[in-house]
C-alpha atoms as a PDB file:
ATOM      1  CA  MET A   1      68.862  68.709  90.692  1.00  0.00           C
ATOM      2  CA  ASN A   2      65.242  69.883  90.640  1.00  0.00           C
ATOM      3  CA  THR A   3      64.126  73.466  89.980  1.00  0.00           C
ATOM      4  CA  THR A   4      63.607  74.393  93.647  1.00  0.00           C
ATOM      5  CA  THR A   5      67.004  73.060  94.658  1.00  0.00           C
ATOM      6  CA  LEU A   6      68.715  74.776  91.739  1.00  0.00           C
ATOM      7  CA  ARG A   7      67.031  78.100  92.566  1.00  0.00           C
ATOM      8  CA  ARG A   8      68.108  77.854  96.208  1.00  0.00           C
ATOM      9  CA  TYR A   9      71.676  77.024  95.157  1.00  0.00           C
ATOM     10  CA  LEU A  10      71.839  80.012  92.816  1.00  0.00           C
ATOM     11  CA  GLU A  11      70.379  82.356  95.440  1.00  0.00           C
ATOM     12  CA  ILE A  12      73.054  81.300  97.932  1.00  0.00           C
ATOM     13  CA  ARG A  13      75.839  81.716  95.376  1.00  0.00           C
ATOM     14  CA  PHE A  14      74.642  85.151  94.232  1.00  0.00           C
ATOM     15  CA  ALA A  15      74.202  86.308  97.820  1.00  0.00           C
ATOM     16  CA  LYS A  16      77.818  85.440  98.526  1.00  0.00           C
ATOM     17  CA  VAL A  17      79.008  87.220  95.404  1.00  0.00           C
ATOM     18  CA  PHE A  18      77.033  90.390  96.129  1.00  0.00           C
ATOM     19  CA  GLY A  19      78.158  90.346  99.752  1.00  0.00           C
ATOM     20  CA  LEU A  20      81.761  90.106  98.654  1.00  0.00           C
ATOM     21  CA  LEU A  21      81.336  92.973  96.210  1.00  0.00           C
ATOM     22  CA  HIS A  22      79.668  95.138  98.829  1.00  0.00           C
ATOM     23  CA  ASN A  23      82.441  94.576 101.356  1.00  0.00           C
ATOM     24  CA  SER A  24      85.224  94.972  98.773  1.00  0.00           C
ATOM     25  CA  LEU A  25      84.286  98.240  97.085  1.00  0.00           C
ATOM     26  CA  ALA A  26      87.633  99.791  97.891  1.00  0.00           C
ATOM     27  CA  LEU A  27      89.406  96.815  96.314  1.00  0.00           C
ATOM     28  CA  VAL A  28      87.397  97.282  93.120  1.00  0.00           C
ATOM     29  CA  GLY A  29      88.480 100.906  93.026  1.00  0.00           C
ATOM     30  CA  LEU A  30      92.044  99.815  93.724  1.00  0.00           C
ATOM     31  CA  ALA A  31      91.980  97.374  90.802  1.00  0.00           C
ATOM     32  CA  ALA A  32      90.675 100.056  88.445  1.00  0.00           C
ATOM     33  CA  LEU A  33      93.299 102.522  89.605  1.00  0.00           C
ATOM     34  CA  LEU A  34      96.056  99.922  89.311  1.00  0.00           C
ATOM     35  CA  VAL A  35      95.203  99.228  85.677  1.00  0.00           C
ATOM     36  CA  LEU A  36      95.286 102.931  84.896  1.00  0.00           C
ATOM     37  CA  VAL A  37      98.553 103.455  86.744  1.00  0.00           C
ATOM     38  CA  LEU A  38     100.169 100.587  84.839  1.00  0.00           C
ATOM     39  CA  GLN A  39      98.865 101.934  81.546  1.00  0.00           C
ATOM     40  CA  GLY A  40     100.170 105.395  82.347  1.00  0.00           C
ATOM     41  CA  GLY A  41     103.531 103.898  83.291  1.00  0.00           C
ATOM     42  CA  ARG A  42     104.077 102.772  79.698  1.00  0.00           C
ATOM     43  CA  HIS A  43     104.550 106.413  78.721  1.00  0.00           C
ATOM     44  CA  THR A  44     106.870 107.250  81.637  1.00  0.00           C
ATOM     45  CA  SER A  45     110.456 107.948  80.679  1.00  0.00           C
ATOM     46  CA  ALA A  46     113.130 105.595  81.952  1.00  0.00           C
ATOM     47  CA  ASP A  47     114.876 108.276  84.020  1.00  0.00           C
ATOM     48  CA  GLN A  48     111.867 108.810  86.301  1.00  0.00           C
ATOM     49  CA  SER A  49     112.620 106.993  89.549  1.00  0.00           C
ATOM     50  CA  GLY A  50     111.836 107.053  93.249  1.00  0.00           C
ATOM     51  CA  ALA A  51     108.215 106.562  94.242  1.00  0.00           C
ATOM     52  CA  ALA A  52     105.908 104.162  92.430  1.00  0.00           C
ATOM     53  CA  ALA A  53     104.416 105.407  89.163  1.00  0.00           C
ATOM     54  CA  SER A  54     102.087 108.298  89.852  1.00  0.00           C
ATOM     55  CA  ALA A  55     100.630 108.906  86.393  1.00  0.00           C
ATOM     56  CA  PHE A  56      97.015 107.927  86.020  1.00  0.00           C
ATOM     57  CA  GLY A  57      94.285 109.026  83.679  1.00  0.00           C
ATOM     58  CA  PRO A  58      90.657 109.897  84.347  1.00  0.00           C
ATOM     59  CA  VAL A  59      89.637 107.338  86.959  1.00  0.00           C
ATOM     60  CA  ARG A  60      86.475 105.534  85.932  1.00  0.00           C
ATOM     61  CA  TYR A  61      84.809 102.233  86.707  1.00  0.00           C
ATOM     62  CA  ASP A  62      81.832 101.066  84.679  1.00  0.00           C
ATOM     63  CA  GLY A  63      81.606 104.587  83.264  1.00  0.00           C
ATOM     64  CA  ILE A  64      81.324 106.231  86.707  1.00  0.00           C
ATOM     65  CA  SER A  65      84.057 108.522  88.003  1.00  0.00           C
ATOM     66  CA  LEU A  66      85.622 107.302  91.243  1.00  0.00           C
ATOM     67  CA  PHE A  67      86.277 110.926  92.179  1.00  0.00           C
ATOM     68  CA  GLU A  68      83.721 113.558  93.012  1.00  0.00           C
ATOM     69  CA  PRO A  69      83.611 116.121  90.179  1.00  0.00           C
ATOM     70  CA  ALA A  70      85.766 119.181  90.589  1.00  0.00           C
ATOM     71  CA  GLU A  71      84.088 122.543  90.969  1.00  0.00           C
ATOM     72  CA  PRO A  72      83.457 123.706  87.411  1.00  0.00           C
ATOM     73  CA  ASP A  73      85.347 126.656  85.928  1.00  0.00           C
ATOM     74  CA  ASN A  74      87.470 127.400  89.003  1.00  0.00           C
ATOM     75  CA  PRO A  75      90.609 129.059  87.612  1.00  0.00           C
ATOM     76  CA  LYS A  76      92.536 128.690  90.873  1.00  0.00           C
ATOM     77  CA  TYR A  77      92.054 124.922  90.834  1.00  0.00           C
ATOM     78  CA  ARG A  78      93.206 124.743  87.244  1.00  0.00           C
ATOM     79  CA  VAL A  79      96.333 126.805  87.917  1.00  0.00           C
ATOM     80  CA  ILE A  80      97.332 124.596  90.845  1.00  0.00           C
ATOM     81  CA  ALA A  81      96.393 121.432  88.967  1.00  0.00           C
ATOM     82  CA  ASN A  82      98.476 122.440  85.945  1.00  0.00           C
ATOM     83  CA  TYR A  83     101.523 122.986  88.141  1.00  0.00           C
ATOM     84  CA  LEU A  84     101.094 119.659  89.941  1.00  0.00           C
ATOM     85  CA  SER A  85     100.278 117.786  86.747  1.00  0.00           C
ATOM     86  CA  ARG A  86     103.498 118.908  85.096  1.00  0.00           C
ATOM     87  CA  LYS A  87     105.692 118.325  88.130  1.00  0.00           C
ATOM     88  CA  TYR A  88     104.371 114.935  89.184  1.00  0.00           C
ATOM     89  CA  LYS A  89     103.361 113.584  85.763  1.00  0.00           C
ATOM     90  CA  VAL A  90      99.703 113.110  86.697  1.00  0.00           C
ATOM     91  CA  ALA A  91      96.821 113.548  84.243  1.00  0.00           C
ATOM     92  CA  SER A  92      95.552 117.119  84.478  1.00  0.00           C
ATOM     93  CA  ASP A  93      91.852 116.271  84.825  1.00  0.00           C
ATOM     94  CA  ALA A  94      92.533 113.814  87.656  1.00  0.00           C
ATOM     95  CA  THR A  95      94.830 116.345  89.326  1.00  0.00           C
ATOM     96  CA  GLU A  96      92.153 119.029  89.177  1.00  0.00           C
ATOM     97  CA  GLN A  97      89.756 116.702  90.977  1.00  0.00           C
ATOM     98  CA  LEU A  98      92.349 116.032  93.685  1.00  0.00           C
ATOM     99  CA  VAL A  99      92.863 119.780  94.071  1.00  0.00           C
ATOM    100  CA  SER A 100      89.115 120.204  94.426  1.00  0.00           C
ATOM    101  CA  GLY A 101      89.075 117.413  97.018  1.00  0.00           C
ATOM    102  CA  ALA A 102      91.854 119.099  98.992  1.00  0.00           C
ATOM    103  CA  PHE A 103      89.964 122.399  99.054  1.00  0.00           C
ATOM    104  CA  ASP A 104      86.763 120.629 100.111  1.00  0.00           C
ATOM    105  CA  ALA A 105      88.567 118.760 102.898  1.00  0.00           C
ATOM    106  CA  GLY A 106      90.367 121.908 104.010  1.00  0.00           C
ATOM    107  CA  GLN A 107      87.071 123.746 104.305  1.00  0.00           C
ATOM    108  CA  GLN A 108      85.451 120.898 106.252  1.00  0.00           C
ATOM    109  CA  VAL A 109      88.327 120.341 108.660  1.00  0.00           C
ATOM    110  CA  GLY A 110      89.824 123.809 108.902  1.00  0.00           C
ATOM    111  CA  VAL A 111      93.209 123.029 107.332  1.00  0.00           C
ATOM    112  CA  ASP A 112      95.008 124.986 104.610  1.00  0.00           C
ATOM    113  CA  PRO A 113      94.260 123.079 101.371  1.00  0.00           C
ATOM    114  CA  LEU A 114      97.730 123.927 100.097  1.00  0.00           C
ATOM    115  CA  LEU A 115      99.142 122.115 103.126  1.00  0.00           C
ATOM    116  CA  ILE A 116      97.024 119.073 102.248  1.00  0.00           C
ATOM    117  CA  LEU A 117      98.285 119.125  98.664  1.00  0.00           C
ATOM    118  CA  ALA A 118     101.882 119.550  99.814  1.00  0.00           C
ATOM    119  CA  VAL A 119     101.590 116.522 102.103  1.00  0.00           C
ATOM    120  CA  MET A 120     100.115 114.493  99.235  1.00  0.00           C
ATOM    121  CA  ALA A 121     103.024 115.531  97.042  1.00  0.00           C
ATOM    122  CA  VAL A 122     105.663 114.496  99.573  1.00  0.00           C
ATOM    123  CA  GLU A 123     103.915 111.376 100.834  1.00  0.00           C
ATOM    124  CA  SER A 124     102.718 109.738  97.617  1.00  0.00           C
ATOM    125  CA  ARG A 125     103.504 111.999  94.647  1.00  0.00           C
ATOM    126  CA  PHE A 126      99.759 111.790  93.999  1.00  0.00           C
ATOM    127  CA  ASN A 127      99.765 108.020  93.606  1.00  0.00           C
ATOM    128  CA  PRO A 128      96.364 106.913  95.020  1.00  0.00           C
ATOM    129  CA  ILE A 129      97.520 103.324  95.573  1.00  0.00           C
ATOM    130  CA  ALA A 130     100.889 104.082  97.183  1.00  0.00           C
ATOM    131  CA  GLU A 131     101.666 101.827 100.148  1.00  0.00           C
ATOM    132  CA  SER A 132     104.635 101.889 102.502  1.00  0.00           C
ATOM    133  CA  VAL A 133     106.314  99.014 104.331  1.00  0.00           C
ATOM    134  CA  MET A 134     104.710 100.380 107.512  1.00  0.00           C
ATOM    135  CA  GLY A 135     101.210  99.933 106.074  1.00  0.00           C
ATOM    136  CA  ALA A 136     100.555 103.576 105.199  1.00  0.00           C
ATOM    137  CA  LYS A 137      98.193 103.776 102.236  1.00  0.00           C
ATOM    138  CA  GLY A 138      96.882 106.142  99.619  1.00  0.00           C
ATOM    139  CA  LEU A 139      97.443 109.762  98.716  1.00  0.00           C
ATOM    140  CA  MET A 140      98.020 110.936 102.291  1.00  0.00           C
ATOM    141  CA  GLN A 141      99.658 107.676 103.444  1.00  0.00           C
ATOM    142  CA  VAL A 142      97.148 106.978 106.202  1.00  0.00           C
ATOM    143  CA  ILE A 143      97.855 103.927 108.384  1.00  0.00           C
ATOM    144  CA  PRO A 144      94.460 102.233 108.877  1.00  0.00           C
ATOM    145  CA  ARG A 145      95.289 100.459 112.151  1.00  0.00           C
ATOM    146  CA  HIS A 146      96.183 103.783 113.771  1.00  0.00           C
ATOM    147  CA  HIS A 147      93.045 105.616 112.623  1.00  0.00           C
ATOM    148  CA  GLN A 148      90.247 103.077 112.761  1.00  0.00           C
ATOM    149  CA  ASP A 149      87.946 105.612 114.416  1.00  0.00           C
ATOM    150  CA  LYS A 150      88.254 108.099 111.577  1.00  0.00           C
ATOM    151  CA  LEU A 151      87.955 105.478 108.842  1.00  0.00           C
ATOM    152  CA  GLY A 152      85.007 103.860 110.603  1.00  0.00           C
ATOM    153  CA  GLU A 153      82.897 106.885 109.731  1.00  0.00           C
ATOM    154  CA  HIS A 154      83.507 106.118 106.049  1.00  0.00           C
ATOM    155  CA  GLY A 155      82.915 102.378 106.050  1.00  0.00           C
ATOM    156  CA  GLY A 156      86.001 100.939 107.705  1.00  0.00           C
ATOM    157  CA  ALA A 157      89.642 100.258 106.881  1.00  0.00           C
ATOM    158  CA  ASP A 158      88.988  99.472 103.199  1.00  0.00           C
ATOM    159  CA  SER A 159      87.789 103.037 102.627  1.00  0.00           C
ATOM    160  CA  VAL A 160      91.377 104.256 103.025  1.00  0.00           C
ATOM    161  CA  LEU A 161      91.864 103.547  99.306  1.00  0.00           C
ATOM    162  CA  ASP A 162      89.018 105.825  98.281  1.00  0.00           C
ATOM    163  CA  PRO A 163      90.876 109.008  97.216  1.00  0.00           C
ATOM    164  CA  MET A 164      88.456 111.523  98.722  1.00  0.00           C
ATOM    165  CA  THR A 165      88.150 109.602 101.998  1.00  0.00           C
ATOM    166  CA  ASN A 166      91.935 109.368 102.180  1.00  0.00           C
ATOM    167  CA  ILE A 167      92.296 113.118 101.669  1.00  0.00           C
ATOM    168  CA  LEU A 168      89.652 113.967 104.279  1.00  0.00           C
ATOM    169  CA  VAL A 169      91.002 111.566 106.898  1.00  0.00           C
ATOM    170  CA  GLY A 170      94.555 112.729 106.236  1.00  0.00           C
ATOM    171  CA  ALA A 171      93.457 116.337 106.753  1.00  0.00           C
ATOM    172  CA  ARG A 172      91.843 115.429 110.064  1.00  0.00           C
ATOM    173  CA  ILE A 173      95.032 113.688 111.186  1.00  0.00           C
ATOM    174  CA  LEU A 174      97.089 116.743 110.210  1.00  0.00           C
ATOM    175  CA  LYS A 175      94.896 119.023 112.282  1.00  0.00           C
ATOM    176  CA  GLU A 176      94.932 116.660 115.267  1.00  0.00           C
ATOM    177  CA  TYR A 177      98.712 116.222 115.183  1.00  0.00           C
ATOM    178  CA  THR A 178      99.378 119.937 114.782  1.00  0.00           C
ATOM    179  CA  ARG A 179      97.235 120.693 117.820  1.00  0.00           C
ATOM    180  CA  ARG A 180      98.851 117.895 119.786  1.00  0.00           C
ATOM    181  CA  ALA A 181     102.420 118.861 118.890  1.00  0.00           C
ATOM    182  CA  GLY A 182     101.893 122.585 119.377  1.00  0.00           C
ATOM    183  CA  SER A 183     103.086 123.857 115.990  1.00  0.00           C
ATOM    184  CA  LEU A 184     102.689 123.083 112.304  1.00  0.00           C
ATOM    185  CA  GLU A 185     106.319 122.027 111.921  1.00  0.00           C
ATOM    186  CA  ALA A 186     106.140 119.645 114.873  1.00  0.00           C
ATOM    187  CA  GLY A 187     102.749 118.387 113.738  1.00  0.00           C
ATOM    188  CA  LEU A 188     104.183 117.525 110.340  1.00  0.00           C
ATOM    189  CA  GLN A 189     107.078 115.669 111.946  1.00  0.00           C
ATOM    190  CA  LEU A 190     104.588 113.727 114.046  1.00  0.00           C
ATOM    191  CA  TYR A 191     102.564 112.970 110.921  1.00  0.00           C
ATOM    192  CA  SER A 192     105.648 111.501 109.252  1.00  0.00           C
ATOM    193  CA  GLY A 193     106.621 109.495 112.325  1.00  0.00           C
ATOM    194  CA  GLY A 194     109.811 111.507 112.646  1.00  0.00           C
ATOM    195  CA  LEU A 195     109.108 113.690 115.659  1.00  0.00           C
ATOM    196  CA  SER A 196     112.531 112.823 117.074  1.00  0.00           C
ATOM    197  CA  ASP A 197     114.227 114.165 113.922  1.00  0.00           C
ATOM    198  CA  THR A 198     115.567 117.480 115.181  1.00  0.00           C
ATOM    199  CA  SER A 199     116.585 118.522 111.659  1.00  0.00           C
ATOM    200  CA  GLY A 200     112.921 118.665 110.655  1.00  0.00           C
ATOM    201  CA  GLN A 201     113.644 117.458 107.122  1.00  0.00           C
ATOM    202  CA  TYR A 202     110.113 116.216 106.488  1.00  0.00           C
ATOM    203  CA  SER A 203     108.393 119.395 107.632  1.00  0.00           C
ATOM    204  CA  GLN A 204     110.836 121.475 105.588  1.00  0.00           C
ATOM    205  CA  LYS A 205     110.010 119.499 102.433  1.00  0.00           C
ATOM    206  CA  VAL A 206     106.270 119.946 102.974  1.00  0.00           C
ATOM    207  CA  MET A 207     106.565 123.643 103.787  1.00  0.00           C
ATOM    208  CA  ALA A 208     108.752 124.208 100.732  1.00  0.00           C
ATOM    209  CA  GLU A 209     106.184 122.560  98.463  1.00  0.00           C
ATOM    210  CA  MET A 210     103.392 124.559 100.068  1.00  0.00           C
ATOM    211  CA  ASP A 211     105.380 127.750  99.430  1.00  0.00           C
ATOM    212  CA  ARG A 212     105.785 126.796  95.760  1.00  0.00           C
ATOM    213  CA  LEU A 213     102.031 126.314  95.502  1.00  0.00           C
ATOM    214  CA  ARG A 214     101.464 129.748  97.046  1.00  0.00           C
ATOM    215  CA  GLN A 215     103.898 131.303  94.563  1.00  0.00           C
ATOM    216  CA  THR A 216     102.054 129.593  91.694  1.00  0.00           C
ATOM    217  CA  ILE A 217      98.781 131.177  92.818  1.00  0.00           C
ATOM    218  CA  HIS A 218     100.483 134.520  93.428  1.00  0.00           C
ATOM    219  CA  ARG A 219     101.886 134.589  89.894  1.00  0.00           C
ATOM    220  CA  TYR A 220      98.454 133.797  88.496  1.00  0.00           C
ATOM    221  CA  GLU A 221      96.803 136.566  90.534  1.00  0.00           C
ATOM    222  CA  ARG A 222      99.405 139.108  89.446  1.00  0.00           C
ATOM    223  CA  ALA A 223      99.282 138.147  85.772  1.00  0.00           C
ATOM    224  CA  PRO A 224      97.557 140.730  83.529  1.00  0.00           C
ATOM    225  CA  ARG A 225      94.048 139.794  82.430  1.00  0.00           C
ATOM    226  CA  LYS A 226      92.636 140.346  79.000  1.00  0.00           C
ATOM    227  CA  ASP A 227      89.776 142.825  78.948  1.00  0.00           C
ATOM    228  CA  SER A 228      86.710 140.690  78.251  1.00  0.00           C
ATOM    229  CA  THR A 229      84.887 143.749  76.885  1.00  0.00           C
ATOM    230  CA  ALA A 230      87.545 144.455  74.255  1.00  0.00           C
END
């Protein structure tokens, strides 16, 4: 094989590799998250059952965080993150970034960020690679085939596994379903696919978690503060 032929062969091979990497960015993030979830699972006690392992450490790939950085020195985020971290066995720094993402999405879409966090808690227990038998994926359990229009703005169906995209798209779905159903409770039932469930079990679980988050913030706001001038 002469030099020209070899060069052309290598160019073709590298082009295919780079094309694959470009179109599979979400899968790369998924692989990195999966490794971290499995590593975190080694420290999970045997009596923890139910959803797939939700513990994961600081999410990084090639030294770059896969999450946008949380707003620095926000005590409210830390209070909420500490509560969620303890309850759902998720690393505190990763949880704080998810809390920040929920507040960012809530501001963009016009949805209570505590509602977004409560849905994440019920849907995935903050497992960013959770997937249901119905094809729902990620933190907010978004079904790509039902929301191609929303995911298209972020690069397509593969972007559903990007945590911040998943949170934002899930928030948009929540707002749309609440408006369509006529109330928050009915919108939550529609979100879960259980609109026909007259007992409203899903909406009650979400609302209860949202109330616990509110109480966590309320306790923090009522707690006495040390006088910084003392």
